[in-house]
Every structure is written in C-alpha cells, then in structure tokens.
Protein backbone atom coordinates (compact mmCIF):
# COMPACT_ATOMS: atom_id res chain seq x y z
CA MET A 1 19.25 -151.02 35.47
CA ILE A 2 17.76 -153.22 32.96
CA LEU A 3 19.06 -154.49 29.70
CA ILE A 4 16.63 -155.74 26.87
CA THR A 5 18.10 -157.86 23.89
CA GLY A 6 16.07 -157.58 20.76
CA ALA A 7 14.67 -154.33 21.94
CA SER A 8 14.05 -152.92 18.27
CA SER A 9 10.27 -154.53 18.24
CA GLY A 10 8.28 -157.01 19.61
CA LEU A 11 8.36 -158.35 23.06
CA GLY A 12 11.35 -156.62 24.11
CA ALA A 13 10.21 -152.95 22.78
CA ALA A 14 7.11 -153.69 24.60
CA LEU A 15 9.19 -154.60 28.26
CA ALA A 16 10.87 -151.47 27.09
CA LYS A 17 8.17 -149.72 27.61
CA VAL A 18 6.44 -151.36 30.60
CA TYR A 19 9.94 -150.76 32.40
CA SER A 20 10.28 -146.99 31.13
CA GLN A 21 7.38 -146.34 32.80
CA GLN A 22 7.94 -148.10 35.67
CA GLY A 23 11.40 -145.01 35.85
CA GLU A 24 13.66 -148.19 35.61
CA SER A 25 16.83 -147.23 33.27
CA LEU A 26 17.39 -148.74 30.42
CA VAL A 27 20.21 -150.28 27.95
CA LEU A 28 18.81 -151.18 24.71
CA VAL A 29 20.24 -154.07 22.69
CA GLY A 30 19.15 -155.03 18.96
CA ARG A 31 21.27 -155.18 15.63
CA SER A 32 19.87 -151.72 14.29
CA GLN A 33 21.17 -148.31 16.28
CA ALA A 34 18.32 -146.24 14.09
CA LYS A 35 14.85 -149.01 15.26
CA LEU A 36 16.48 -149.03 19.06
CA GLU A 37 16.57 -145.04 19.41
CA ALA A 38 13.20 -144.75 17.48
CA VAL A 39 12.03 -147.21 20.47
CA ALA A 40 14.07 -145.28 22.74
CA GLY A 41 12.58 -141.37 21.72
CA SER A 42 8.94 -142.86 23.13
CA LEU A 43 9.97 -143.95 26.37
CA SER A 44 10.22 -141.34 29.71
CA SER A 45 13.02 -143.01 31.54
CA GLU A 46 17.41 -142.77 30.80
CA VAL A 47 17.87 -144.94 27.89
CA VAL A 48 20.97 -146.23 25.98
CA CYS A 49 21.01 -147.77 22.89
CA HIS A 50 23.66 -149.90 21.93
CA ALA A 51 23.39 -152.13 18.57
CA ALA A 52 25.68 -155.18 18.08
CA ASP A 53 25.60 -158.75 16.83
CA LEU A 54 24.77 -160.96 19.03
CA THR A 55 26.10 -163.83 17.60
CA CYS A 56 29.43 -162.40 17.46
CA GLU A 57 30.89 -163.45 20.60
CA THR A 58 33.33 -160.22 20.90
CA GLN A 59 30.51 -157.84 20.45
CA VAL A 60 28.51 -159.57 23.03
CA ALA A 61 31.72 -158.84 25.67
CA GLY A 62 31.88 -155.61 24.03
CA LEU A 63 27.91 -154.81 25.15
CA PHE A 64 28.68 -156.30 28.57
CA GLU A 65 31.84 -153.73 29.06
CA SER A 66 30.38 -150.95 28.21
CA LEU A 67 27.69 -151.76 30.96
CA PRO A 68 27.31 -148.50 33.43
CA GLN A 69 26.75 -150.62 36.11
CA VAL A 70 25.62 -154.00 37.17
CA PRO A 71 21.96 -154.56 35.83
CA SER A 72 19.41 -155.60 38.35
CA ARG A 73 18.23 -157.89 35.03
CA ILE A 74 19.11 -159.26 32.00
CA ILE A 75 16.19 -159.83 29.64
CA HIS A 76 17.55 -161.68 26.49
CA CYS A 77 14.84 -161.33 23.81
CA ALA A 78 16.26 -161.63 20.53
CA GLY A 79 15.20 -164.22 17.99
CA SER A 80 13.93 -164.99 15.10
CA GLY A 81 12.06 -167.40 13.49
CA ASP A 82 11.48 -170.06 9.73
CA PHE A 83 8.81 -172.12 9.68
CA GLY A 84 8.02 -174.65 6.50
CA PRO A 85 8.46 -178.58 5.86
CA MET A 86 11.85 -180.00 6.47
CA GLU A 87 12.52 -180.83 3.30
CA GLN A 88 12.92 -177.29 2.33
CA PHE A 89 15.48 -176.53 4.45
CA ASP A 90 19.13 -175.74 3.54
CA GLU A 91 22.17 -175.19 5.56
CA SER A 92 22.27 -171.81 5.29
CA ARG A 93 18.23 -171.40 7.14
CA ILE A 94 19.35 -174.23 9.58
CA ARG A 95 22.16 -171.80 10.32
CA ARG A 96 20.93 -168.98 10.99
CA LEU A 97 17.74 -170.17 12.99
CA MET A 98 20.65 -171.42 15.47
CA ASP A 99 22.75 -168.81 15.07
CA ASN A 100 20.06 -166.04 15.65
CA ASN A 101 18.13 -168.22 18.87
CA LEU A 102 20.35 -170.87 20.26
CA LEU A 103 24.03 -169.68 19.79
CA THR A 104 23.06 -166.21 20.65
CA ALA A 105 21.19 -167.13 24.09
CA ALA A 106 25.05 -168.80 24.44
CA LEU A 107 26.70 -165.84 24.50
CA VAL A 108 24.81 -163.96 26.16
CA THR A 109 24.35 -165.77 29.08
CA LYS A 110 28.20 -166.78 28.97
CA GLU A 111 28.81 -163.66 29.41
CA ALA A 112 26.50 -162.48 32.16
CA VAL A 113 27.45 -166.12 34.54
CA ALA A 114 30.99 -164.92 33.82
CA ARG A 115 30.67 -161.75 35.24
CA PHE A 116 27.58 -161.74 37.52
CA ARG A 117 26.93 -165.15 38.96
CA GLN A 118 27.79 -163.71 42.85
CA GLN A 119 25.77 -160.57 41.83
CA GLN A 120 22.46 -159.90 42.30
CA VAL A 121 21.26 -160.47 39.03
CA GLN A 122 18.58 -161.89 37.69
CA LEU A 123 18.73 -163.63 34.21
CA ALA A 124 15.79 -163.91 32.17
CA VAL A 125 16.00 -165.64 28.65
CA VAL A 126 13.06 -165.62 26.08
CA ALA A 127 12.64 -168.57 23.97
CA SER A 128 8.79 -169.77 23.05
CA THR A 129 6.58 -172.72 23.78
CA ALA A 130 8.35 -174.39 21.08
CA ALA A 131 10.84 -175.74 22.89
CA GLN A 132 7.84 -177.21 24.87
CA LYS A 133 6.05 -179.31 22.15
CA GLY A 134 6.85 -180.08 18.18
CA LYS A 135 4.87 -178.66 15.73
CA ALA A 136 4.37 -179.87 12.57
CA ASN A 137 6.39 -177.40 9.80
CA GLU A 138 8.55 -175.54 12.87
CA ALA A 139 11.26 -178.78 13.27
CA VAL A 140 14.66 -176.53 13.05
CA TYR A 141 12.83 -173.78 14.94
CA CYS A 142 11.57 -176.27 17.93
CA ALA A 143 15.11 -177.99 17.51
CA VAL A 144 16.83 -174.94 18.05
CA LYS A 145 14.10 -173.62 21.01
CA TRP A 146 14.57 -176.62 22.40
CA GLY A 147 18.19 -176.23 22.60
CA VAL A 148 17.87 -173.56 24.51
CA LYS A 149 15.23 -175.11 26.84
CA GLY A 150 18.36 -177.58 27.41
CA LEU A 151 20.90 -175.02 27.71
CA LEU A 152 18.66 -172.93 30.14
CA GLU A 153 17.79 -176.01 32.78
CA SER A 154 21.80 -176.85 32.65
CA LEU A 155 23.14 -173.19 33.69
CA ARG A 156 20.29 -173.59 36.49
CA ALA A 157 21.91 -176.58 37.88
CA GLU A 158 25.40 -174.79 37.33
CA LEU A 159 23.85 -171.82 39.48
CA LYS A 160 22.89 -173.33 42.25
CA GLY A 161 23.92 -171.55 45.34
CA ALA A 162 24.86 -168.60 43.54
CA THR A 163 23.45 -165.29 43.73
CA MET A 164 22.26 -165.27 40.40
CA THR A 165 18.94 -166.06 39.07
CA LEU A 166 17.93 -167.41 36.08
CA VAL A 167 14.46 -167.66 34.74
CA GLY A 168 13.34 -169.09 31.52
CA VAL A 169 10.14 -167.99 29.55
CA TYR A 170 8.20 -169.35 27.22
CA PRO A 171 5.69 -167.42 25.79
CA GLY A 172 3.42 -168.24 22.31
CA GLY A 173 0.44 -166.79 20.33
CA MET A 174 2.01 -163.07 20.70
CA ASP A 175 1.29 -160.99 17.79
CA THR A 176 4.31 -159.24 17.04
CA PRO A 177 6.55 -158.36 13.75
CA PHE A 178 8.39 -161.95 14.39
CA TRP A 179 5.33 -163.02 12.43
CA GLN A 180 5.67 -160.49 9.30
CA GLN A 181 9.47 -162.20 8.68
CA GLN A 182 10.23 -164.44 5.45
CA GLY A 183 8.51 -167.97 6.62
CA CYS A 184 6.71 -166.32 9.18
CA ASP A 185 4.14 -164.56 7.14
CA SER A 186 2.32 -167.68 5.98
CA HIS A 187 2.78 -170.09 8.90
CA VAL A 188 -0.13 -168.53 11.07
CA ASP A 189 -2.81 -166.33 11.22
CA ALA A 190 -1.71 -164.11 14.23
CA SER A 191 -4.64 -161.88 14.22
CA GLY A 192 -6.10 -163.56 17.30
CA PHE A 193 -2.93 -163.80 19.50
CA MET A 194 -2.28 -161.75 22.45
CA SER A 195 -0.17 -158.37 21.44
CA ALA A 196 3.31 -157.73 23.14
CA ASP A 197 1.77 -155.38 25.61
CA GLU A 198 -0.03 -158.21 26.74
CA ALA A 199 3.05 -160.48 26.89
CA ALA A 200 4.86 -157.79 27.88
CA LEU A 201 2.90 -156.85 31.30
CA MET A 202 2.28 -160.35 31.91
CA MET A 203 6.42 -161.10 31.96
CA ALA A 204 7.18 -158.13 33.87
CA ASN A 205 4.69 -159.04 36.49
CA GLY A 206 5.75 -162.85 36.50
CA LEU A 207 9.72 -161.48 36.78
CA ILE A 208 8.79 -160.20 40.13
CA ALA A 209 10.83 -161.88 42.63
CA SER A 210 10.84 -161.88 46.58
CA GLU A 211 13.93 -162.14 49.13
CA ASN A 212 13.55 -166.01 49.42
CA GLY A 213 12.11 -167.06 46.25
CA TYR A 214 11.69 -166.12 42.29
CA ILE A 215 9.51 -168.06 39.65
CA SER A 216 12.26 -170.37 37.36
CA GLU A 217 10.41 -170.52 34.67
CA LEU A 218 7.19 -168.39 32.96
CA THR A 219 4.56 -169.82 29.89
CA LEU A 220 2.81 -167.32 28.67
CA ILE A 221 -0.05 -168.97 25.97
CA ARG A 222 -3.14 -166.79 24.61
CA ARG A 223 -6.63 -167.64 25.83
C-alpha cells in the first residue's frame, strides 16, 4: 500500500496513476474529498480517499491511525506556492506558505517516523528546486522549501541505523495546476515545462530501491 498526500491534482494525482497501473493499492490524501474521489474514479487499483487538513496535528494523526496496514511507501506531495517581490508579502501570505509547505512536511514526517521508524517503509518528501537555489521574487517560497530540505537532512541523520528510509525529491520546471494558483499564474510561463505525468514516471523509477541501497535525493529538472 502506498500513501500519497496532495493527491487531488498535479504530481500527486499523476503518481497515483503510475502506481495504480502497477497494481498498487493506494491511500490518497487531500483537502477535498470530491477531488480525491474524481482522481480515484480514473484508477484501476484499490483506492481509499481520505480528506484531511495536513496543517492540523490531530487530523494528521487521524490519517495515520486510519491506515489499514503499514504502507510500503509514503509520498508527501502536498504544498502550495506564492510569488512576488518580498515587500508585497503580508503576514497571512507568509504564514500560508509556511503552513502549507514546512508545517505539513514536519507533521507528516513526525507521525510517519513515530510509527514506522523500524518498519520497511520508504518516506519520500517532495520539496522543490527552490530548496537548492535562491530566486528573485521567490524569497518566502525558497525560505520554506529550504526549511523542508533542512528538515529532511536533519531527519536523515536521526534515522541513521533505522529500517525506514528517507528520500528528498526536488522537482523543478513541472507544468501542473500549481501554476494556476493565485500568486503563481503571472510568475512564469509553464508551457514549456515537463508534464506531471513525465515527472511522476521519473520519480517512481527513482524511488525503486534494492536490498542494500536506495537513492536518498532525487532532482527532476526540465531540459
């Protein structure tokens, strides 16, 4: 069983399609039950939809408590973007980015590690190439994604010797509904970006592990 957050659109939905075609049972997580069920309706494997606000600690705990079995893989895709000159950002915009990106990653990874540290579980957290290099008009977005990268690097050190494995995924230049969000739509022209389906297939291939090894960091960039 594979658990995918942010599965109602974009990379999360594309990953659900890839793994469904491979016959994997899935738990899809997002804020909207209706959107999740729309994605599930296009899939051929067994799918459970779980609507949750991943910025809420009790709802994250409830999600993990409801899992029918230990997942083989947890993929945290949930996040949001907002761009523009730094002086245009008020507290609410800054907090929204912090909550939707860094807080969700912290709560999901905390719960996963608490339950599955000594289980054969792969935990993959999707950040962004914004976690690797500063960019103009992306100051707050880069800051929270750098925070996610710091979380992952520190957590990997904590998991040294544990059975669980941790993978950081850094996509960049991917055309998904992300770019139609307010604050994103005027920032870039995404028409030449790789599709979510392309990125999902590359990511799924990169997450394949052997008995004695795995890829700990995966960067997906467009040509």
